[in-house]
């Protein structure tokens, strides 16, 4: 199975949208060769990645900049919620996200917040949010779900800007089943044992042949999708280290003196990325199917529409 996007590269209102079109369509460096091509593709890939992290970057920047005491009497966690909602509103207003994409990001928020409620409960206590806030629900600040939504936003934006195409994708029912197992294991391992490595073995078998192709500049490159999951998970693990260092949340072993988050969390983040990717893949497939239906009803079908 192949999941393709036609590259939604039309210029939308707003300077950032025009910048997106520039990133995707511009060939200002011509057709470089040799070492120069490597340098240009590396830089262009980095710029597109940074742009894809717009929501996550602004959100985590606010985590580092908002003082622990809050702003103008508003506690830090509440300020972060206002910031997250403002960023999300801006993404919609500027049409950097569609309503379908915003709904998917909302789902990531709900899924993540439910996990936070469970993990911080008194009977589990995996981590805690020590600061006070008006927008806490059962000890969990509402902004916390946006940390998971930020991962979804990154994948959605990168899918478009890098013109992602997935080849040899497993059957959707199997991908969905493994994503559900990943999510449930985050809960059940406290009661019936941690089966993440069995799940990882299934993931490797399921995605062994799956590759992701992307376009940093003007040529298509490819890499194993499993490697992409690992790399994204690693950078999320680094972000978690920064967040715990600044005291946004803490694990029990960090209450007295901060220490590095256990390397085993890398696997947890990578599994979470797989679950998030599955939701985005469903979104992209649904969008492609809807557009295909519209095209079939049109007297002049557009060949550049997404297809699955």
Protein backbone atom coordinates (compact mmCIF):
# COMPACT_ATOMS: atom_id res chain seq x y z
CA UNK A 1 0.00 0.00 0.00
CA UNK A 2 1.25 3.46 -0.82
CA UNK A 3 0.18 6.69 0.80
CA UNK A 4 0.89 9.69 -1.37
CA UNK A 5 0.37 13.40 -1.15
CA UNK A 6 0.35 15.63 -4.13
CA UNK A 7 2.04 18.37 -2.18
CA UNK A 8 -0.54 20.92 -1.08
CA UNK A 9 1.63 23.77 -2.29
CA UNK A 10 -0.89 26.46 -3.13
CA UNK A 11 -0.14 29.86 -1.64
CA UNK A 12 -2.51 30.65 1.20
CA UNK A 13 -3.12 34.08 2.73
CA UNK A 14 -0.40 35.27 5.06
CA UNK A 15 3.33 35.75 4.91
CA UNK A 16 4.13 32.38 6.47
CA UNK A 17 1.94 30.65 3.90
CA UNK A 18 3.80 32.40 1.10
CA UNK A 19 7.01 31.29 2.79
CA UNK A 20 5.74 27.70 2.77
CA UNK A 21 5.11 27.91 -0.97
CA UNK A 22 8.60 29.37 -1.41
CA UNK A 23 10.15 26.50 0.55
CA UNK A 24 8.31 23.88 -1.49
CA UNK A 25 8.57 25.39 -4.96
CA UNK A 26 11.60 27.65 -5.07
CA UNK A 27 14.73 26.48 -6.91
CA UNK A 28 16.87 29.51 -6.13
CA UNK A 29 20.03 27.39 -6.06
CA UNK A 30 19.45 25.92 -9.50
CA UNK A 31 20.59 22.30 -9.83
CA UNK A 32 23.63 21.93 -7.57
CA UNK A 33 26.00 19.01 -7.87
CA UNK A 34 28.38 17.08 -5.62
CA UNK A 35 29.22 18.42 -2.17
CA UNK A 36 27.31 21.64 -2.84
CA UNK A 37 24.11 19.64 -3.36
CA UNK A 38 24.60 17.89 -0.01
CA UNK A 39 25.07 21.21 1.78
CA UNK A 40 22.05 22.86 0.12
CA UNK A 41 19.76 19.87 0.70
CA UNK A 42 20.91 19.63 4.31
CA UNK A 43 20.21 23.33 4.94
CA UNK A 44 16.86 23.26 3.07
CA UNK A 45 15.85 20.13 4.99
CA UNK A 46 16.74 21.85 8.26
CA UNK A 47 14.70 24.93 7.37
CA UNK A 48 11.66 22.81 6.46
CA UNK A 49 12.03 20.82 9.68
CA UNK A 50 12.23 24.03 11.71
CA UNK A 51 9.13 25.36 9.94
CA UNK A 52 7.30 22.07 10.63
CA UNK A 53 8.09 22.56 14.32
CA UNK A 54 6.38 25.98 14.39
CA UNK A 55 3.75 24.94 16.93
CA UNK A 56 6.13 22.77 18.96
CA UNK A 57 8.94 25.32 18.79
CA UNK A 58 6.83 28.26 19.95
CA UNK A 59 5.19 26.17 22.65
CA UNK A 60 8.40 24.79 24.10
CA UNK A 61 10.07 28.18 23.80
CA UNK A 62 7.31 29.55 25.99
CA UNK A 63 7.97 26.73 28.47
CA UNK A 64 11.55 27.96 28.83
CA UNK A 65 10.72 31.68 28.85
CA UNK A 66 7.67 31.89 31.11
CA UNK A 67 9.00 32.45 34.64
CA UNK A 68 8.19 29.96 37.35
CA UNK A 69 6.23 32.63 39.23
CA UNK A 70 3.98 33.19 36.21
CA UNK A 71 3.05 36.52 34.62
CA UNK A 72 0.99 39.31 36.23
CA UNK A 73 -0.31 37.02 38.91
CA UNK A 74 -1.33 34.28 36.47
CA UNK A 75 0.39 30.97 37.37
CA UNK A 76 2.88 29.53 34.89
CA UNK A 77 0.76 26.55 33.86
CA UNK A 78 -2.18 28.85 33.09
CA UNK A 79 0.03 31.16 31.03
CA UNK A 80 1.23 28.16 29.04
CA UNK A 81 -2.37 27.16 28.32
CA UNK A 82 -3.13 30.66 27.02
CA UNK A 83 0.01 30.53 24.85
CA UNK A 84 -0.88 27.10 23.44
CA UNK A 85 -4.44 28.16 22.59
CA UNK A 86 -3.15 31.36 20.98
CA UNK A 87 -0.71 29.44 18.80
CA UNK A 88 -3.45 27.02 17.76
CA UNK A 89 -5.80 29.90 16.90
CA UNK A 90 -3.05 31.55 14.86
CA UNK A 91 -2.40 28.34 12.92
CA UNK A 92 -6.07 28.16 11.97
CA UNK A 93 -6.50 31.88 11.28
CA UNK A 94 -3.45 31.95 9.00
CA UNK A 95 -4.66 28.74 7.29
CA UNK A 96 -1.43 26.95 8.14
CA UNK A 97 -3.74 24.19 9.38
CA UNK A 98 -7.07 23.01 8.05
CA UNK A 99 -10.04 22.29 10.30
CA UNK A 100 -9.54 18.54 9.71
CA UNK A 101 -5.95 18.86 10.87
CA UNK A 102 -7.04 20.90 13.89
CA UNK A 103 -9.54 18.17 14.79
CA UNK A 104 -6.75 15.57 14.62
CA UNK A 105 -4.56 17.75 16.85
CA UNK A 106 -7.49 18.06 19.25
CA UNK A 107 -7.64 14.26 19.35
CA UNK A 108 -3.94 14.15 20.21
CA UNK A 109 -4.63 16.56 23.06
CA UNK A 110 -7.44 14.37 24.44
CA UNK A 111 -5.42 11.15 24.11
CA UNK A 112 -2.40 12.74 25.76
CA UNK A 113 -4.37 14.37 28.56
CA UNK A 114 -6.07 11.06 29.40
CA UNK A 115 -2.64 9.47 29.68
CA UNK A 116 -1.46 12.33 31.90
CA UNK A 117 -4.43 11.89 34.24
CA UNK A 118 -3.63 8.22 34.66
CA UNK A 119 0.15 8.57 35.03
CA UNK A 120 -0.05 11.34 37.62
CA UNK A 121 -2.83 9.74 39.68
CA UNK A 122 -2.12 8.94 43.30
CA UNK A 123 -2.01 5.18 42.70
CA UNK A 124 0.53 5.47 39.85
CA UNK A 125 2.58 8.63 40.46
CA UNK A 126 4.89 8.24 37.46
CA UNK A 127 5.48 12.01 37.45
CA UNK A 128 3.90 15.15 38.88
CA UNK A 129 3.17 18.82 38.15
CA UNK A 130 4.32 20.59 41.30
CA UNK A 131 3.17 24.17 40.57
CA UNK A 132 -0.25 25.59 41.32
CA UNK A 133 -2.71 26.48 38.54
CA UNK A 134 -6.35 27.48 38.09
CA UNK A 135 -6.67 25.17 35.08
CA UNK A 136 -5.71 21.91 36.73
CA UNK A 137 -7.98 18.89 36.45
CA UNK A 138 -7.25 16.17 39.02
CA UNK A 139 -3.75 17.60 39.45
CA UNK A 140 -2.97 17.82 35.72
CA UNK A 141 -2.74 21.25 34.03
CA UNK A 142 -4.77 21.50 30.83
CA UNK A 143 -1.75 22.73 28.86
CA UNK A 144 -0.10 19.31 29.18
CA UNK A 145 -2.20 17.79 26.40
CA UNK A 146 -0.67 20.28 23.98
CA UNK A 147 2.72 18.62 24.41
CA UNK A 148 1.24 15.60 22.63
CA UNK A 149 -0.65 17.81 20.17
CA UNK A 150 2.69 19.44 19.28
CA UNK A 151 3.98 16.08 18.05
CA UNK A 152 0.91 15.66 15.86
CA UNK A 153 1.25 19.21 14.51
CA UNK A 154 4.87 18.53 13.55
CA UNK A 155 3.99 15.37 11.63
CA UNK A 156 1.10 17.07 9.83
CA UNK A 157 3.22 20.06 8.80
CA UNK A 158 6.23 17.95 7.76
CA UNK A 159 3.97 15.74 5.66
CA UNK A 160 3.05 18.73 3.51
CA UNK A 161 6.31 20.68 3.45
CA UNK A 162 8.49 17.66 2.67
CA UNK A 163 5.90 16.15 0.30
CA UNK A 164 5.96 12.85 2.19
CA UNK A 165 5.03 9.61 0.46
CA UNK A 166 4.82 6.32 2.31
CA UNK A 167 5.41 3.09 0.38
CA UNK A 168 4.66 -0.47 1.51
CA UNK A 169 2.52 0.80 4.34
CA UNK A 170 0.93 -2.10 6.25
CA UNK A 171 -2.81 -2.68 6.16
CA UNK A 172 -4.64 0.00 8.08
CA UNK A 173 -6.40 -2.40 10.39
CA UNK A 174 -3.03 -3.84 11.45
CA UNK A 175 -1.46 -0.39 11.87
CA UNK A 176 -4.48 0.71 13.92
CA UNK A 177 -4.36 -2.45 16.03
CA UNK A 178 -0.69 -1.98 16.89
CA UNK A 179 -1.29 1.71 17.68
CA UNK A 180 -4.06 0.72 20.11
CA UNK A 181 -1.77 -1.86 21.72
CA UNK A 182 0.89 0.81 22.17
CA UNK A 183 -1.55 3.17 23.86
CA UNK A 184 -3.12 0.51 26.07
CA UNK A 185 0.31 -0.73 27.20
CA UNK A 186 1.04 2.71 28.64
CA UNK A 187 -1.82 1.95 31.07
CA UNK A 188 -1.79 -1.81 31.54
CA UNK A 189 1.93 -2.28 32.21
CA UNK A 190 1.30 -1.04 35.75
CA UNK A 191 -0.93 -4.07 36.36
CA UNK A 192 -0.07 -6.95 34.01
CA UNK A 193 3.53 -6.26 33.01
CA UNK A 194 5.28 -4.18 30.37
CA UNK A 195 4.91 -5.71 26.91
CA UNK A 196 6.53 -2.87 25.00
CA UNK A 197 9.37 -5.02 23.64
CA UNK A 198 6.90 -7.57 22.29
CA UNK A 199 5.02 -4.68 20.73
CA UNK A 200 8.30 -3.32 19.33
CA UNK A 201 8.99 -6.71 17.73
CA UNK A 202 5.56 -6.57 16.07
CA UNK A 203 6.22 -3.00 14.93
CA UNK A 204 9.52 -4.03 13.34
CA UNK A 205 7.83 -6.87 11.49
CA UNK A 206 4.93 -4.66 10.44
CA UNK A 207 6.99 -1.72 9.16
CA UNK A 208 10.14 -3.57 8.03
CA UNK A 209 9.50 -2.86 4.34
CA UNK A 210 7.93 0.56 4.82
CA UNK A 211 9.86 3.53 3.51
CA UNK A 212 9.20 7.25 3.59
CA UNK A 213 10.21 9.40 0.62
CA UNK A 214 10.62 13.12 1.03
CA UNK A 215 11.89 16.08 -0.96
CA UNK A 216 14.34 18.35 0.88
CA UNK A 217 15.02 20.51 -2.19
CA UNK A 218 14.40 19.28 -5.73
CA UNK A 219 15.13 15.57 -5.55
CA UNK A 220 13.31 12.80 -3.75
CA UNK A 221 15.16 11.02 -0.93
CA UNK A 222 14.08 8.00 1.06
CA UNK A 223 14.68 6.37 4.40
CA UNK A 224 13.17 3.49 6.41
CA UNK A 225 10.11 4.66 8.28
CA UNK A 226 11.29 2.84 11.40
CA UNK A 227 14.43 4.99 11.43
CA UNK A 228 12.25 8.11 11.21
CA UNK A 229 10.26 6.92 14.25
CA UNK A 230 13.48 6.43 16.22
CA UNK A 231 14.93 9.82 15.28
CA UNK A 232 11.77 11.75 16.18
CA UNK A 233 11.53 9.80 19.46
CA UNK A 234 15.13 10.73 20.28
CA UNK A 235 14.53 14.46 19.82
CA UNK A 236 11.38 14.21 21.96
CA UNK A 237 13.47 12.54 24.66
CA UNK A 238 15.89 15.49 24.49
CA UNK A 239 12.97 17.93 24.76
CA UNK A 240 11.73 16.01 27.80
CA UNK A 241 15.12 16.43 29.46
CA UNK A 242 14.95 20.19 28.92
CA UNK A 243 11.39 20.35 30.25
CA UNK A 244 12.18 18.45 33.44
CA UNK A 245 15.33 20.54 33.91
CA UNK A 246 13.17 23.68 33.91
CA UNK A 247 10.77 22.02 36.36
CA UNK A 248 7.68 21.87 34.15
CA UNK A 249 7.13 18.37 35.47
CA UNK A 250 9.31 16.00 37.46
CA UNK A 251 9.83 12.29 37.84
CA UNK A 252 10.12 10.95 41.40
CA UNK A 253 13.92 10.61 41.08
CA UNK A 254 14.17 14.31 40.11
CA UNK A 255 12.40 15.79 43.12
CA UNK A 256 15.57 16.62 45.08
CA UNK A 257 18.21 17.02 42.38
CA UNK A 258 17.60 16.95 38.62
CA UNK A 259 18.97 13.98 36.72
CA UNK A 260 18.78 12.90 33.09
CA UNK A 261 15.54 11.23 32.05
CA UNK A 262 16.13 7.49 31.73
CA UNK A 263 17.16 6.47 28.24
CA UNK A 264 14.33 3.92 28.25
CA UNK A 265 11.92 6.83 27.75
CA UNK A 266 13.30 7.10 24.22
CA UNK A 267 11.46 3.90 23.33
CA UNK A 268 8.26 5.25 24.89
CA UNK A 269 8.43 8.41 22.82
CA UNK A 270 9.18 6.46 19.63
CA UNK A 271 6.13 4.28 20.26
CA UNK A 272 4.05 7.38 20.87
CA UNK A 273 5.26 8.76 17.52
CA UNK A 274 4.06 5.57 15.81
CA UNK A 275 0.63 5.99 17.39
CA UNK A 276 0.51 9.65 16.32
CA UNK A 277 1.68 8.81 12.81
CA UNK A 278 -1.12 6.27 12.44
CA UNK A 279 -3.74 8.92 13.25
CA UNK A 280 -2.19 11.35 10.75
CA UNK A 281 -2.03 8.62 8.09
CA UNK A 282 -5.75 8.02 8.58
CA UNK A 283 -6.35 11.76 8.23
CA UNK A 284 -4.35 11.95 5.01
CA UNK A 285 -6.07 8.88 3.58
CA UNK A 286 -9.53 10.20 4.45
CA UNK A 287 -8.69 13.56 2.85
CA UNK A 288 -7.41 11.80 -0.25
CA UNK A 289 -10.55 9.67 -0.52
CA UNK A 290 -12.80 12.71 -0.19
CA UNK A 291 -10.89 14.58 -2.85
CA UNK A 292 -10.92 11.55 -5.13
CA UNK A 293 -14.71 11.42 -4.77
CA UNK A 294 -14.96 15.07 -5.68
CA UNK A 295 -12.70 14.54 -8.67
CA UNK A 296 -14.74 11.60 -9.95
CA UNK A 297 -17.81 13.84 -9.93
CA UNK A 298 -15.99 16.60 -11.77
CA UNK A 299 -15.95 16.84 -15.56
CA UNK A 300 -12.23 17.56 -15.54
CA UNK A 301 -10.39 15.38 -12.99
CA UNK A 302 -7.18 16.77 -11.53
CA UNK A 303 -4.39 14.26 -11.80
CA UNK A 304 -2.37 15.93 -9.05
CA UNK A 305 -4.80 15.09 -6.26
CA UNK A 306 -3.63 12.80 -3.45
CA UNK A 307 -4.13 9.10 -3.95
CA UNK A 308 -3.87 6.00 -1.81
